[in-house]
């Protein structure tokens, strides 16, 4: 009798274990899906934009050259007078020069004259483009048909 009760108890517990493991697997997969979704959200909202900003900052630091007007993270404005490997010498006043780490530069206000000329050329192209299109529009404009003026008939002479 004891063995019969034990056999029945083991089948009941094995059925419960099978049901519990199926429910546990379903719960675990939904938790895993939520975890993956949260990682994806963090990547697209936080990690990716930060990497983009870091890349732009590195490009800006690499492109620094003498004559660029800059602003530091502390708000000091000046003109780059020398660029070294990891530092930049900034001319703040006619007599004052300060050396900063490149990482202390927050933005370049305007580039050196060479870049300024490129920007000016691009601006002129943009301004000229509408003028050209206006000219073409005038050329393509259909002329209105002119009303023909009645010609005065010449008097007939009888011969």
N, C-alpha and C. Protein backbone atom coordinates (compact mmCIF):
# COMPACT_ATOMS: atom_id res chain seq x y z
N UNK A 1 0.82 -1.17 0.00
CA UNK A 1 0.00 0.00 0.00
C UNK A 1 0.87 1.25 0.00
N UNK A 2 1.89 1.22 0.80
CA UNK A 2 2.80 2.35 0.87
C UNK A 2 3.44 2.62 -0.49
N UNK A 3 3.82 1.53 -1.16
CA UNK A 3 4.43 1.71 -2.48
C UNK A 3 3.44 2.26 -3.48
N UNK A 4 2.16 1.91 -3.36
CA UNK A 4 1.14 2.43 -4.25
C UNK A 4 0.96 3.92 -4.03
N UNK A 5 0.95 4.38 -2.79
CA UNK A 5 0.81 5.80 -2.48
C UNK A 5 2.02 6.57 -3.01
N UNK A 6 3.20 6.00 -2.84
CA UNK A 6 4.42 6.65 -3.32
C UNK A 6 4.42 6.75 -4.84
N UNK A 7 3.94 5.71 -5.51
CA UNK A 7 3.89 5.72 -6.97
C UNK A 7 2.92 6.77 -7.47
N UNK A 8 1.78 6.90 -6.81
CA UNK A 8 0.80 7.91 -7.19
C UNK A 8 1.33 9.31 -6.92
N UNK A 9 2.01 9.47 -5.83
CA UNK A 9 2.58 10.78 -5.49
C UNK A 9 3.65 11.21 -6.48
N UNK A 10 4.44 10.25 -6.94
CA UNK A 10 5.50 10.60 -7.89
C UNK A 10 4.92 10.98 -9.24
N UNK A 11 3.84 10.36 -9.70
CA UNK A 11 3.23 10.73 -10.97
C UNK A 11 2.57 12.10 -10.87
N UNK A 12 1.98 12.41 -9.74
CA UNK A 12 1.36 13.72 -9.56
C UNK A 12 2.43 14.80 -9.54
N UNK A 13 3.52 14.55 -8.85
CA UNK A 13 4.58 15.56 -8.78
C UNK A 13 5.28 15.72 -10.13
N UNK A 14 5.41 14.63 -10.92
CA UNK A 14 6.04 14.76 -12.23
C UNK A 14 5.13 15.52 -13.19
N UNK A 15 3.81 15.36 -13.09
CA UNK A 15 2.88 16.13 -13.91
C UNK A 15 2.95 17.61 -13.54
N UNK A 16 3.04 17.91 -12.27
CA UNK A 16 3.12 19.29 -11.79
C UNK A 16 4.44 19.92 -12.24
N UNK A 17 5.50 19.14 -12.21
CA UNK A 17 6.80 19.65 -12.65
C UNK A 17 6.77 19.94 -14.14
N UNK A 18 6.13 19.09 -14.93
CA UNK A 18 6.05 19.31 -16.37
C UNK A 18 5.23 20.56 -16.67
N UNK A 19 4.12 20.74 -15.97
CA UNK A 19 3.29 21.92 -16.16
C UNK A 19 4.03 23.17 -15.70
N UNK A 20 4.71 23.11 -14.61
CA UNK A 20 5.47 24.26 -14.08
C UNK A 20 6.62 24.64 -14.99
N UNK A 21 7.30 23.66 -15.58
CA UNK A 21 8.42 23.98 -16.46
C UNK A 21 7.92 24.62 -17.75
N UNK A 22 6.75 24.22 -18.25
CA UNK A 22 6.19 24.84 -19.45
C UNK A 22 5.82 26.29 -19.16
N UNK A 23 5.24 26.53 -18.00
CA UNK A 23 4.88 27.90 -17.64
C UNK A 23 6.14 28.72 -17.38
N UNK A 24 7.16 28.09 -16.80
CA UNK A 24 8.41 28.78 -16.54
C UNK A 24 9.12 29.15 -17.84
N UNK A 25 9.05 28.27 -18.85
CA UNK A 25 9.68 28.54 -20.14
C UNK A 25 8.98 29.70 -20.83
N UNK A 26 7.66 29.74 -20.77
CA UNK A 26 6.90 30.83 -21.39
C UNK A 26 7.22 32.15 -20.68
N UNK A 27 7.32 32.13 -19.37
CA UNK A 27 7.64 33.33 -18.61
C UNK A 27 9.06 33.80 -18.88
N UNK A 28 9.97 32.84 -19.04
CA UNK A 28 11.37 33.19 -19.29
C UNK A 28 11.55 33.80 -20.68
N UNK A 29 10.82 33.28 -21.68
CA UNK A 29 10.97 33.81 -23.04
C UNK A 29 10.41 35.23 -23.14
N UNK A 30 9.32 35.51 -22.46
CA UNK A 30 8.78 36.88 -22.49
C UNK A 30 9.72 37.84 -21.76
N UNK A 31 10.35 37.37 -20.68
CA UNK A 31 11.32 38.19 -19.97
C UNK A 31 12.53 38.46 -20.86
N UNK A 32 12.97 37.45 -21.58
CA UNK A 32 14.11 37.60 -22.49
C UNK A 32 13.79 38.59 -23.62
N UNK A 33 12.59 38.51 -24.16
CA UNK A 33 12.17 39.44 -25.22
C UNK A 33 12.15 40.87 -24.69
N UNK A 34 11.63 41.07 -23.49
CA UNK A 34 11.59 42.41 -22.90
C UNK A 34 13.00 42.94 -22.65
N UNK A 35 13.89 42.08 -22.22
CA UNK A 35 15.28 42.47 -21.97
C UNK A 35 15.96 42.91 -23.27
N UNK A 36 15.76 42.14 -24.34
CA UNK A 36 16.32 42.49 -25.64
C UNK A 36 15.74 43.81 -26.14
N UNK A 37 14.45 44.01 -25.96
CA UNK A 37 13.81 45.27 -26.38
C UNK A 37 14.38 46.46 -25.61
N UNK A 38 14.61 46.30 -24.33
CA UNK A 38 15.17 47.40 -23.52
C UNK A 38 16.60 47.73 -23.96
N UNK A 39 17.40 46.71 -24.26
CA UNK A 39 18.76 46.94 -24.74
C UNK A 39 18.73 47.68 -26.07
N UNK A 40 17.82 47.29 -26.96
CA UNK A 40 17.69 47.97 -28.27
C UNK A 40 17.29 49.43 -28.09
N UNK A 41 16.36 49.70 -27.18
CA UNK A 41 15.93 51.07 -26.92
C UNK A 41 17.09 51.90 -26.38
N UNK A 42 17.82 51.35 -25.42
CA UNK A 42 18.97 52.07 -24.88
C UNK A 42 20.01 52.34 -25.96
N UNK A 43 20.22 51.37 -26.84
CA UNK A 43 21.22 51.56 -27.89
C UNK A 43 20.83 52.71 -28.81
N UNK A 44 19.58 52.71 -29.30
CA UNK A 44 19.16 53.71 -30.27
C UNK A 44 18.92 55.09 -29.66
N UNK A 45 18.56 55.15 -28.38
CA UNK A 45 18.29 56.45 -27.77
C UNK A 45 19.48 57.05 -27.02
N UNK A 46 20.39 56.23 -26.54
CA UNK A 46 21.50 56.75 -25.74
C UNK A 46 22.87 56.48 -26.33
N UNK A 47 23.17 55.25 -26.63
CA UNK A 47 24.53 54.88 -27.02
C UNK A 47 24.88 55.39 -28.41
N UNK A 48 24.03 55.16 -29.39
CA UNK A 48 24.33 55.56 -30.77
C UNK A 48 24.48 57.07 -30.92
N UNK A 49 23.57 57.90 -30.39
CA UNK A 49 23.77 59.35 -30.51
C UNK A 49 25.05 59.84 -29.82
N UNK A 50 25.40 59.23 -28.70
CA UNK A 50 26.62 59.63 -27.99
C UNK A 50 27.85 59.30 -28.82
N UNK A 51 27.86 58.15 -29.46
CA UNK A 51 28.98 57.79 -30.33
C UNK A 51 29.10 58.77 -31.49
N UNK A 52 27.97 59.19 -32.04
CA UNK A 52 27.98 60.15 -33.15
C UNK A 52 28.57 61.47 -32.70
N UNK A 53 28.17 61.95 -31.52
CA UNK A 53 28.73 63.22 -30.99
C UNK A 53 30.22 63.09 -30.74
N UNK A 54 30.65 61.96 -30.20
CA UNK A 54 32.08 61.74 -29.95
C UNK A 54 32.87 61.74 -31.25
N UNK A 55 32.33 61.11 -32.28
CA UNK A 55 33.00 61.07 -33.58
C UNK A 55 33.13 62.48 -34.16
N UNK A 56 32.05 63.28 -34.08
CA UNK A 56 32.09 64.65 -34.59
C UNK A 56 33.11 65.49 -33.82
N UNK A 57 33.20 65.30 -32.51
CA UNK A 57 34.16 66.04 -31.70
C UNK A 57 35.59 65.68 -32.08
N UNK A 58 35.86 64.40 -32.31
CA UNK A 58 37.20 63.97 -32.72
C UNK A 58 37.57 64.56 -34.08
N UNK A 59 36.60 64.58 -35.00
CA UNK A 59 36.85 65.16 -36.32
C UNK A 59 37.14 66.65 -36.21
N UNK A 60 36.40 67.34 -35.35
CA UNK A 60 36.60 68.77 -35.15
C UNK A 60 38.00 69.03 -34.58
N UNK A 61 38.41 68.24 -33.60
CA UNK A 61 39.74 68.41 -33.00
C UNK A 61 40.85 68.12 -34.00
N UNK A 62 40.62 67.13 -34.85
CA UNK A 62 41.63 66.80 -35.85
C UNK A 62 41.73 67.86 -36.94
N UNK A 63 40.64 68.59 -37.18
CA UNK A 63 40.62 69.60 -38.24
C UNK A 63 41.05 70.98 -37.77
N UNK A 64 41.38 71.14 -36.49
CA UNK A 64 41.80 72.45 -35.99
C UNK A 64 43.07 72.92 -36.69
N UNK A 65 43.08 74.20 -37.03
CA UNK A 65 44.28 74.77 -37.65
C UNK A 65 44.43 76.22 -37.23
N UNK A 66 45.57 76.75 -37.50
CA UNK A 66 45.89 78.12 -37.11
C UNK A 66 44.89 79.08 -37.78
N UNK A 67 44.38 80.01 -36.98
CA UNK A 67 43.44 81.00 -37.50
C UNK A 67 41.98 80.69 -37.19
N UNK A 68 41.67 79.48 -36.73
CA UNK A 68 40.29 79.14 -36.39
C UNK A 68 39.87 79.88 -35.14
N UNK A 69 38.66 80.39 -35.13
CA UNK A 69 38.10 81.02 -33.93
C UNK A 69 37.34 79.94 -33.18
N UNK A 70 37.63 79.82 -31.86
CA UNK A 70 37.07 78.72 -31.07
C UNK A 70 36.45 79.22 -29.78
N UNK A 71 35.69 78.33 -29.13
CA UNK A 71 35.16 78.54 -27.79
C UNK A 71 35.52 77.30 -26.99
N UNK A 72 36.06 77.51 -25.78
CA UNK A 72 36.41 76.38 -24.92
C UNK A 72 35.20 75.97 -24.10
N UNK A 73 35.33 74.85 -23.39
CA UNK A 73 34.22 74.40 -22.55
C UNK A 73 33.99 75.33 -21.38
N UNK A 74 34.99 76.14 -21.06
CA UNK A 74 34.83 77.13 -19.99
C UNK A 74 34.28 78.46 -20.48
N UNK A 75 34.07 78.59 -21.81
CA UNK A 75 33.49 79.79 -22.37
C UNK A 75 34.52 80.81 -22.85
N UNK A 76 35.80 80.46 -22.86
CA UNK A 76 36.83 81.38 -23.32
C UNK A 76 36.85 81.35 -24.84
N UNK A 77 36.80 82.55 -25.44
CA UNK A 77 36.83 82.67 -26.89
C UNK A 77 38.19 83.17 -27.32
N UNK A 78 38.66 82.67 -28.44
CA UNK A 78 39.95 83.11 -28.94
C UNK A 78 40.22 82.55 -30.32
N UNK A 79 41.44 82.83 -30.79
CA UNK A 79 41.88 82.38 -32.10
C UNK A 79 43.05 81.43 -31.93
N UNK A 80 43.03 80.33 -32.65
CA UNK A 80 44.11 79.35 -32.56
C UNK A 80 45.36 79.96 -33.17
N UNK A 81 46.44 79.97 -32.37
CA UNK A 81 47.70 80.50 -32.89
C UNK A 81 48.71 79.39 -33.14
N UNK A 82 48.54 78.23 -32.53
CA UNK A 82 49.41 77.08 -32.78
C UNK A 82 48.68 75.81 -32.40
N UNK A 83 48.91 74.76 -33.19
CA UNK A 83 48.29 73.46 -32.92
C UNK A 83 49.41 72.46 -32.68
N UNK A 84 49.38 71.82 -31.52
CA UNK A 84 50.35 70.79 -31.18
C UNK A 84 49.64 69.44 -31.20
N UNK A 85 50.36 68.38 -30.81
CA UNK A 85 49.80 67.04 -30.88
C UNK A 85 48.55 66.88 -30.02
N UNK A 86 48.63 67.27 -28.75
CA UNK A 86 47.48 67.11 -27.85
C UNK A 86 46.96 68.43 -27.32
N UNK A 87 47.64 69.53 -27.61
CA UNK A 87 47.22 70.82 -27.09
C UNK A 87 47.09 71.85 -28.21
N UNK A 88 46.45 72.96 -27.86
CA UNK A 88 46.25 74.06 -28.78
C UNK A 88 46.59 75.35 -28.04
N UNK A 89 47.34 76.24 -28.68
CA UNK A 89 47.64 77.54 -28.10
C UNK A 89 46.62 78.52 -28.67
N UNK A 90 45.89 79.17 -27.76
CA UNK A 90 44.82 80.07 -28.17
C UNK A 90 45.21 81.50 -27.82
N UNK A 91 45.07 82.38 -28.80
CA UNK A 91 45.34 83.81 -28.60
C UNK A 91 44.02 84.44 -28.16
N UNK A 92 44.00 84.91 -26.90
CA UNK A 92 42.78 85.46 -26.34
C UNK A 92 42.74 86.97 -26.54
N UNK A 93 43.88 87.62 -26.37
CA UNK A 93 44.00 89.06 -26.50
C UNK A 93 45.27 89.33 -27.29
N UNK A 94 45.58 90.58 -27.53
CA UNK A 94 46.77 90.88 -28.31
C UNK A 94 48.05 90.39 -27.64
N UNK A 95 48.07 90.34 -26.30
CA UNK A 95 49.26 89.90 -25.58
C UNK A 95 49.09 88.57 -24.87
N UNK A 96 47.88 88.03 -24.83
CA UNK A 96 47.60 86.85 -24.02
C UNK A 96 47.44 85.60 -24.87
N UNK A 97 48.21 84.58 -24.54
CA UNK A 97 48.09 83.28 -25.19
C UNK A 97 47.93 82.22 -24.10
N UNK A 98 46.98 81.31 -24.29
CA UNK A 98 46.70 80.26 -23.31
C UNK A 98 46.77 78.92 -24.04
N UNK A 99 47.36 77.93 -23.38
CA UNK A 99 47.46 76.60 -23.96
C UNK A 99 46.37 75.70 -23.35
N UNK A 100 45.58 75.08 -24.20
CA UNK A 100 44.49 74.20 -23.78
C UNK A 100 44.70 72.81 -24.35
N UNK A 101 44.13 71.83 -23.67
CA UNK A 101 44.03 70.49 -24.26
C UNK A 101 43.03 70.57 -25.41
N UNK A 102 43.21 69.76 -26.41
CA UNK A 102 42.26 69.77 -27.53
C UNK A 102 40.86 69.38 -27.07
N UNK A 103 40.79 68.54 -26.06
CA UNK A 103 39.48 68.10 -25.57
C UNK A 103 38.72 69.21 -24.85
N UNK A 104 39.40 70.32 -24.53
CA UNK A 104 38.74 71.44 -23.85
C UNK A 104 38.05 72.38 -24.83
N UNK A 105 38.13 72.12 -26.11
CA UNK A 105 37.49 72.98 -27.11
C UNK A 105 36.10 72.44 -27.38
N UNK A 106 35.10 73.31 -27.20
CA UNK A 106 33.72 72.85 -27.39
C UNK A 106 33.24 73.06 -28.81
N UNK A 107 33.66 74.14 -29.47
CA UNK A 107 33.20 74.35 -30.84
C UNK A 107 34.13 75.30 -31.58
N UNK A 108 34.09 75.20 -32.90
CA UNK A 108 34.82 76.10 -33.77
C UNK A 108 33.79 77.08 -34.32
N UNK A 109 34.00 78.38 -34.03
CA UNK A 109 33.05 79.38 -34.47
C UNK A 109 33.11 79.61 -35.97
N UNK A 110 34.28 79.89 -36.47
CA UNK A 110 34.45 79.99 -37.92
C UNK A 110 35.84 79.52 -38.25
N UNK A 111 35.94 78.87 -39.39
CA UNK A 111 37.22 78.27 -39.78
C UNK A 111 38.16 79.34 -40.32
N UNK A 112 39.36 78.92 -40.63
CA UNK A 112 40.38 79.81 -41.17
C UNK A 112 39.91 80.39 -42.51
N UNK A 113 40.60 81.42 -43.04
CA UNK A 113 40.17 82.07 -44.28
C UNK A 113 39.97 81.12 -45.46
N UNK A 114 40.74 80.06 -45.57
CA UNK A 114 40.56 79.12 -46.69
C UNK A 114 39.18 78.48 -46.64
N UNK A 115 38.78 78.06 -45.47
CA UNK A 115 37.45 77.47 -45.33
C UNK A 115 36.37 78.52 -45.53
N UNK A 116 36.67 79.76 -45.14
CA UNK A 116 35.74 80.86 -45.31
C UNK A 116 35.48 81.09 -46.80
N UNK A 117 36.54 81.02 -47.61
CA UNK A 117 36.40 81.21 -49.05
C UNK A 117 35.53 80.10 -49.65
N UNK A 118 35.72 78.86 -49.19
CA UNK A 118 34.90 77.76 -49.67
C UNK A 118 33.44 77.98 -49.32
N UNK A 119 33.19 78.44 -48.11
CA UNK A 119 31.82 78.69 -47.67
C UNK A 119 31.20 79.81 -48.51
N UNK A 120 31.98 80.85 -48.79
CA UNK A 120 31.48 81.96 -49.59
C UNK A 120 31.15 81.51 -51.00
N UNK A 121 32.01 80.67 -51.58
CA UNK A 121 31.76 80.15 -52.92
C UNK A 121 30.48 79.32 -52.96
N UNK A 122 30.27 78.50 -51.95
CA UNK A 122 29.05 77.70 -51.89
C UNK A 122 27.82 78.60 -51.76
N UNK A 123 27.93 79.65 -50.96
CA UNK A 123 26.81 80.58 -50.79
C UNK A 123 26.48 81.27 -52.10
N UNK A 124 27.51 81.64 -52.88
CA UNK A 124 27.27 82.29 -54.16
C UNK A 124 26.58 81.34 -55.12
N UNK A 125 26.96 80.06 -55.09
CA UNK A 125 26.31 79.08 -55.95
C UNK A 125 24.83 78.97 -55.62
N UNK A 126 24.53 78.99 -54.34
CA UNK A 126 23.14 78.88 -53.91
C UNK A 126 22.35 80.09 -54.36
N UNK A 127 22.96 81.27 -54.30
CA UNK A 127 22.28 82.49 -54.71
C UNK A 127 22.09 82.52 -56.21
N UNK A 128 23.08 82.05 -56.99
CA UNK A 128 23.00 82.07 -58.43
C UNK A 128 22.00 81.06 -58.97
N UNK A 129 21.81 79.98 -58.28
CA UNK A 129 20.91 78.94 -58.76
C UNK A 129 19.50 79.45 -58.99
N UNK A 130 18.88 80.19 -58.07
CA UNK A 130 17.53 80.69 -58.33
C UNK A 130 17.50 81.66 -59.50
N UNK A 131 18.55 82.46 -59.67
CA UNK A 131 18.57 83.41 -60.78
C UNK A 131 18.55 82.66 -62.10
N UNK A 132 19.35 81.60 -62.20
CA UNK A 132 19.40 80.83 -63.42
C UNK A 132 18.05 80.20 -63.72
N UNK A 133 17.42 79.65 -62.71
CA UNK A 133 16.13 79.00 -62.93
C UNK A 133 15.08 80.03 -63.35
N UNK A 134 15.17 81.24 -62.82
CA UNK A 134 14.22 82.29 -63.19
C UNK A 134 14.44 82.67 -64.64
N UNK A 135 15.71 82.76 -65.04
CA UNK A 135 16.03 83.10 -66.42
C UNK A 135 15.51 82.04 -67.36
N UNK A 136 15.71 80.77 -67.01
CA UNK A 136 15.22 79.68 -67.85
C UNK A 136 13.71 79.70 -67.93
N UNK A 137 13.06 80.03 -66.83
CA UNK A 137 11.61 80.08 -66.82
C UNK A 137 11.12 81.16 -67.78
N UNK A 138 11.82 82.28 -67.82
CA UNK A 138 11.44 83.34 -68.73
C UNK A 138 11.66 82.92 -70.18
N UNK A 139 12.75 82.17 -70.43
CA UNK A 139 13.03 81.70 -71.79
C UNK A 139 11.98 80.69 -72.24
N UNK A 140 11.56 79.87 -71.30
CA UNK A 140 10.60 78.83 -71.64
C UNK A 140 9.16 79.34 -71.69
N UNK A 141 8.97 80.54 -71.19
CA UNK A 141 7.61 81.08 -71.15
C UNK A 141 7.06 81.16 -72.57
N UNK A 142 5.88 80.69 -72.72
CA UNK A 142 5.26 80.73 -74.04
C UNK A 142 4.84 82.15 -74.36
N UNK A 143 5.13 82.53 -75.56
CA UNK A 143 4.73 83.88 -75.97
C UNK A 143 3.25 83.85 -76.30
N UNK A 144 2.59 84.91 -75.94
CA UNK A 144 1.17 85.01 -76.22
C UNK A 144 1.00 85.29 -77.71
N UNK A 145 0.05 84.64 -78.31
CA UNK A 145 -0.16 84.90 -79.74
C UNK A 145 -0.63 86.33 -79.94
N UNK A 146 -0.03 86.98 -80.88
CA UNK A 146 -0.40 88.37 -81.16
C UNK A 146 -1.56 88.38 -82.15
N UNK A 147 -2.45 89.27 -81.91
CA UNK A 147 -3.57 89.40 -82.82
C UNK A 147 -3.06 90.05 -84.10
N UNK A 148 -3.43 89.44 -85.20
CA UNK A 148 -2.96 89.98 -86.47
C UNK A 148 -3.73 91.25 -86.79
N UNK A 149 -2.99 92.24 -87.20
CA UNK A 149 -3.64 93.51 -87.57
C UNK A 149 -4.16 93.37 -88.99
N UNK A 150 -5.35 93.87 -89.22
CA UNK A 150 -5.87 93.79 -90.59
C UNK A 150 -5.04 94.68 -91.51
N UNK A 151 -4.63 94.08 -92.58
CA UNK A 151 -3.83 94.83 -93.53
C UNK A 151 -4.75 95.67 -94.41
N UNK A 152 -4.31 96.86 -94.69
CA UNK A 152 -5.08 97.73 -95.55
C UNK A 152 -4.94 97.21 -96.98
N UNK A 153 -6.06 97.03 -97.57
CA UNK A 153 -6.03 96.50 -98.93
C UNK A 153 -5.55 97.60 -99.88
N UNK A 154 -4.76 97.19 -100.78
CA UNK A 154 -4.26 98.15 -101.75
C UNK A 154 -5.37 98.39 -102.78
N UNK A 155 -5.50 99.60 -103.16
CA UNK A 155 -6.56 99.89 -104.18
C UNK A 155 -6.22 99.19 -105.50
N UNK A 156 -7.21 98.60 -106.07
CA UNK A 156 -6.99 97.90 -107.31
C UNK A 156 -7.04 98.89 -108.47
N UNK A 157 -6.10 98.76 -109.27
CA UNK A 157 -6.11 99.62 -110.47
C UNK A 157 -6.52 98.74 -111.66
N UNK A 158 -7.40 99.24 -112.39
CA UNK A 158 -7.87 98.46 -113.54
C UNK A 158 -7.00 98.76 -114.73
N UNK A 159 -6.64 97.77 -115.36
CA UNK A 159 -5.81 97.96 -116.51
C UNK A 159 -6.54 97.81 -117.78
